C-alpha atoms as a PDB file:
ATOM      1  CA  GLY A   1      87.267 -17.651  21.114  1.00  0.00           C
ATOM      2  CA  THR A   2      86.366 -13.991  21.090  1.00  0.00           C
ATOM      3  CA  THR A   3      83.016 -12.667  19.959  1.00  0.00           C
ATOM      4  CA  LEU A   4      82.603 -10.146  17.156  1.00  0.00           C
ATOM      5  CA  ALA A   5      81.544  -7.524  19.706  1.00  0.00           C
ATOM      6  CA  GLU A   6      84.734  -8.107  21.712  1.00  0.00           C
ATOM      7  CA  ARG A   7      86.877  -7.832  18.588  1.00  0.00           C
ATOM      8  CA  GLU A   8      85.107  -4.630  17.562  1.00  0.00           C
ATOM      9  CA  LYS A   9      85.697  -3.169  21.041  1.00  0.00           C
ATOM     10  CA  VAL A  10      89.424  -3.943  20.746  1.00  0.00           C
ATOM     11  CA  GLY A  11      89.389  -2.476  17.229  1.00  0.00           C
ATOM     12  CA  GLU A  12      87.832   0.740  18.529  1.00  0.00           C
ATOM     13  CA  GLN A  13      90.484   0.971  21.266  1.00  0.00           C
ATOM     14  CA  LEU A  14      93.249   0.466  18.697  1.00  0.00           C
ATOM     15  CA  LEU A  15      91.744   3.204  16.499  1.00  0.00           C
ATOM     16  CA  VAL A  16      91.612   5.630  19.426  1.00  0.00           C
ATOM     17  CA  GLN A  17      95.264   4.855  20.245  1.00  0.00           C
ATOM     18  CA  ALA A  18      96.304   5.199  16.601  1.00  0.00           C
ATOM     19  CA  VAL A  19      94.530   8.549  16.238  1.00  0.00           C
ATOM     20  CA  SER A  20      96.065   9.987  19.402  1.00  0.00           C
ATOM     21  CA  SER A  21      99.578   8.810  18.371  1.00  0.00           C
ATOM     22  CA  ALA A  22      99.113  10.333  14.920  1.00  0.00           C
ATOM     23  CA  GLN A  23      97.945  13.625  16.462  1.00  0.00           C
ATOM     24  CA  ALA A  24     100.911  13.582  18.866  1.00  0.00           C
ATOM     25  CA  GLU A  25     103.189  13.235  15.821  1.00  0.00           C
ATOM     26  CA  GLY A  26     101.552  16.258  14.196  1.00  0.00           C
ATOM     27  CA  ALA A  27      99.088  14.622  11.784  1.00  0.00           C
ATOM     28  CA  LYS A  28      96.358  17.113  10.852  1.00  0.00           C
ATOM     29  CA  HIS A  29      94.074  15.117   8.554  1.00  0.00           C
ATOM     30  CA  ILE A  30      93.045  11.768  10.039  1.00  0.00           C
ATOM     31  CA  GLU A  31      90.379   9.416   8.726  1.00  0.00           C
ATOM     32  CA  GLU A  32      89.395   6.367  10.741  1.00  0.00           C
ATOM     33  CA  LEU A  33      88.463   3.113   9.023  1.00  0.00           C
ATOM     34  CA  MET A  34      87.681  -0.172  10.722  1.00  0.00           C
ATOM     35  CA  THR A  35      87.169  -3.139   8.461  1.00  0.00           C
ATOM     36  CA  GLN A  36      87.206  -6.941   8.534  1.00  0.00           C
ATOM     37  CA  GLY A  37      88.875  -9.671   6.539  1.00  0.00           C
ATOM     38  CA  ASP A  38      92.443 -10.387   5.480  1.00  0.00           C
ATOM     39  CA  PRO A  39      94.519  -7.547   6.992  1.00  0.00           C
ATOM     40  CA  ALA A  40      96.952  -7.147   4.084  1.00  0.00           C
ATOM     41  CA  ARG A  41      94.167  -7.111   1.485  1.00  0.00           C
ATOM     42  CA  ALA A  42      92.077  -4.672   3.572  1.00  0.00           C
ATOM     43  CA  ILE A  43      95.026  -2.258   3.921  1.00  0.00           C
ATOM     44  CA  ILE A  44      95.826  -2.398   0.188  1.00  0.00           C
ATOM     45  CA  GLU A  45      92.175  -1.941  -0.831  1.00  0.00           C
ATOM     46  CA  ALA A  46      91.790   1.032   1.544  1.00  0.00           C
ATOM     47  CA  ALA A  47      95.004   2.578   0.191  1.00  0.00           C
ATOM     48  CA  ASN A  48      93.853   2.159  -3.419  1.00  0.00           C
ATOM     49  CA  ALA A  49      90.346   3.466  -2.712  1.00  0.00           C
ATOM     50  CA  ASN A  50      91.717   6.589  -1.015  1.00  0.00           C
ATOM     51  CA  ASN A  51      94.641   7.284  -3.393  1.00  0.00           C
ATOM     52  CA  VAL A  52      97.127   6.974  -0.548  1.00  0.00           C
ATOM     53  CA  ASP A  53     100.667   8.228  -1.274  1.00  0.00           C
ATOM     54  CA  THR A  54     102.511   6.082   1.248  1.00  0.00           C
ATOM     55  CA  ILE A  55     101.590   3.294   3.671  1.00  0.00           C
ATOM     56  CA  VAL A  56     103.349   3.357   7.046  1.00  0.00           C
ATOM     57  CA  MET A  57     103.197   0.159   9.089  1.00  0.00           C
ATOM     58  CA  GLY A  58     104.618  -1.189  12.310  1.00  0.00           C
ATOM     59  CA  SER A  59     106.949  -4.162  12.025  1.00  0.00           C
ATOM     60  CA  ARG A  60     105.810  -5.809  15.249  1.00  0.00           C
ATOM     61  CA  GLY A  61     102.638  -7.826  15.533  1.00  0.00           C
ATOM     62  CA  LEU A  62      99.774  -7.284  17.957  1.00  0.00           C
ATOM     63  CA  SER A  63      99.071 -10.986  18.317  1.00  0.00           C
ATOM     64  CA  ASP A  64      97.811 -10.896  21.907  1.00  0.00           C
ATOM     65  CA  LEU A  65      94.925  -8.521  21.149  1.00  0.00           C
ATOM     66  CA  ALA A  66      91.788 -10.577  20.516  1.00  0.00           C
ATOM     67  CA  GLY A  67      93.502 -12.735  17.926  1.00  0.00           C
ATOM     68  CA  VAL A  68      94.584  -9.797  15.772  1.00  0.00           C
ATOM     69  CA  VAL A  69      97.843 -10.885  14.184  1.00  0.00           C
ATOM     70  CA  ILE A  70     100.039  -8.435  12.301  1.00  0.00           C
ATOM     71  CA  GLY A  71     103.641  -9.129  11.332  1.00  0.00           C
ATOM     72  CA  SER A  72     103.917 -10.893   8.024  1.00  0.00           C
ATOM     73  CA  VAL A  73     101.126  -8.487   7.054  1.00  0.00           C
ATOM     74  CA  SER A  74     103.591  -5.626   6.550  1.00  0.00           C
ATOM     75  CA  HIS A  75     105.601  -7.982   4.329  1.00  0.00           C
ATOM     76  CA  LYS A  76     102.532  -8.850   2.215  1.00  0.00           C
ATOM     77  CA  VAL A  77     101.513  -5.198   1.950  1.00  0.00           C
ATOM     78  CA  GLY A  78     105.023  -4.198   0.909  1.00  0.00           C
ATOM     79  CA  HIS A  79     104.844  -6.820  -1.831  1.00  0.00           C
ATOM     80  CA  SER A  80     101.437  -5.902  -3.250  1.00  0.00           C
ATOM     81  CA  ALA A  81     100.889  -2.191  -2.647  1.00  0.00           C
ATOM     82  CA  LYS A  82     100.988   0.231  -5.580  1.00  0.00           C
ATOM     83  CA  CYS A  83     102.529   2.969  -3.411  1.00  0.00           C
ATOM     84  CA  PRO A  84     105.656   3.013  -1.215  1.00  0.00           C
ATOM     85  CA  VAL A  85     105.382   1.150   2.093  1.00  0.00           C
ATOM     86  CA  ILE A  86     107.459   2.286   5.082  1.00  0.00           C
ATOM     87  CA  THR A  87     107.843  -0.185   7.946  1.00  0.00           C
ATOM     88  CA  VAL A  88     108.804   1.224  11.335  1.00  0.00           C
ATOM     89  CA  SER A  89     109.691  -0.608  14.539  1.00  0.00           C
ATOM     90  CA  GLN A  90     107.800   0.789  17.501  1.00  0.00           C
END
């Protein structure tokens, strides 16, 4: 199993990658948030708390990274979010 510190390190690396991709695509206003728990619920709660207009998610999972599994998460988010959810394949 992976330790919390290892998972947080991977999380930080993912955030850095996400921020640089967003900047490369022309995003001007970026806020970073790293949280724990059920991924779908965490994404929906963050979207609601920040009055997000649209959620954009990748369709492919990142299952090999320290046990972080995303895939059916975009499906769950699409089902439960109050705003539009756009799923893109990387």
